[in-house]
């Protein structure tokens, strides 16, 4: 009963603390994210696993965190009865692998072991007490990872490999984003258009600047993450990769009705609002279907972003008559994935992509645009 009470109090504390941990994960009282891994490893391998993801095995500094870790351990109790922590002992000298002070303990009777060998601290899930053992024993383990993640690549490297909504922090501001952890993982999705029941082309400048539908980020939802956030995401790394995915073709009589396409571009860069969110750089990488169809987006390099209430295209008909608003337009474009879904109403344009020429145009059923640092590696 006491364990449950302490857990509830700590949960309430966490709920009132700003968190950039992903939904369903936890933040401890040190404002770090705790990830319990259900894979059994020896202590050195577990520590290396955590370090590779930007953290260390967990250090525990108060009863709240100890109780919370015990509660988290119950989720893996079918696999393990113990959880490695970052603690180690030698001749009664005790330390944490992350270098933080050893200012709290919850030893079982007879612990810690005081001989001249190095022993490592694990938490018993059933009791919450600490015991020590040799490093070669294999237990589940808990990583402690800094809370502030700047994109989905950071989350992937931290061991979070499920598709879904996460929180990131850029320039002191927290943002909800959708992360795609497929195709190598670490992709921050900024355009998701799965069905045609949501209008994109007639959104305002501020709609695009701030993003829309970001309160319900799912794999199948329609959203634009925000032009300002897109600028920040492409500005924070030296080189950024853009991945474009499209499914199907709604053009009547098309032989590509059930086809799918993808490709990647490097050097993806979007300027800030003072430069009208100009698409300043892009390079075709030809990771997917390597042919001239992917040059369609290259036509927009150097173009400024246009919306129906702020047209930065010398050809005014593109945003309005051809319903291509919400895109980088310069005397129109060879693609506009935010255009009107009803291409018949948009004079054949709207949401489209030029394949091999002006007589070979598709109107995708769905599209997704996402990015990650080019330096990212799994």
Foldseek 3Di string as FASTA:
>chain_A
DVLVVLQVVQVVVFVPDDFQFFPPWGAGPVRWTKDWFLWWFFQVVQQVLQVQLAWGFADDADPSVLSNVLVVVVVNVVRFQKAFGQWKDAQNDIAGPVGDDNHDFFADPPDDDRYHDMWTWIAGSVPSHIYTDHRGGIGTTMIIHNRAAAFFLSVVSNPDQDWAWGWHDDPRDIAIFTWHNPPQGGWTWFFWFQAQPDAQLADDPVCQQCKPPSVDDDNRDGIGNHLQSVQRQLPPAPKKKKKKKFAAFPPPPDPGRGPIWMFMWMRFHFHHVVQQRQRADIGGPCPIPPDPQVCQVVQLHRFHAFGLVRGPEPDNCQSPLQQLHGGRAHVHTQARQNFRLPRVSNVNHGGWGAGPDPVRIGRTRIMIMIMDGPPRHD
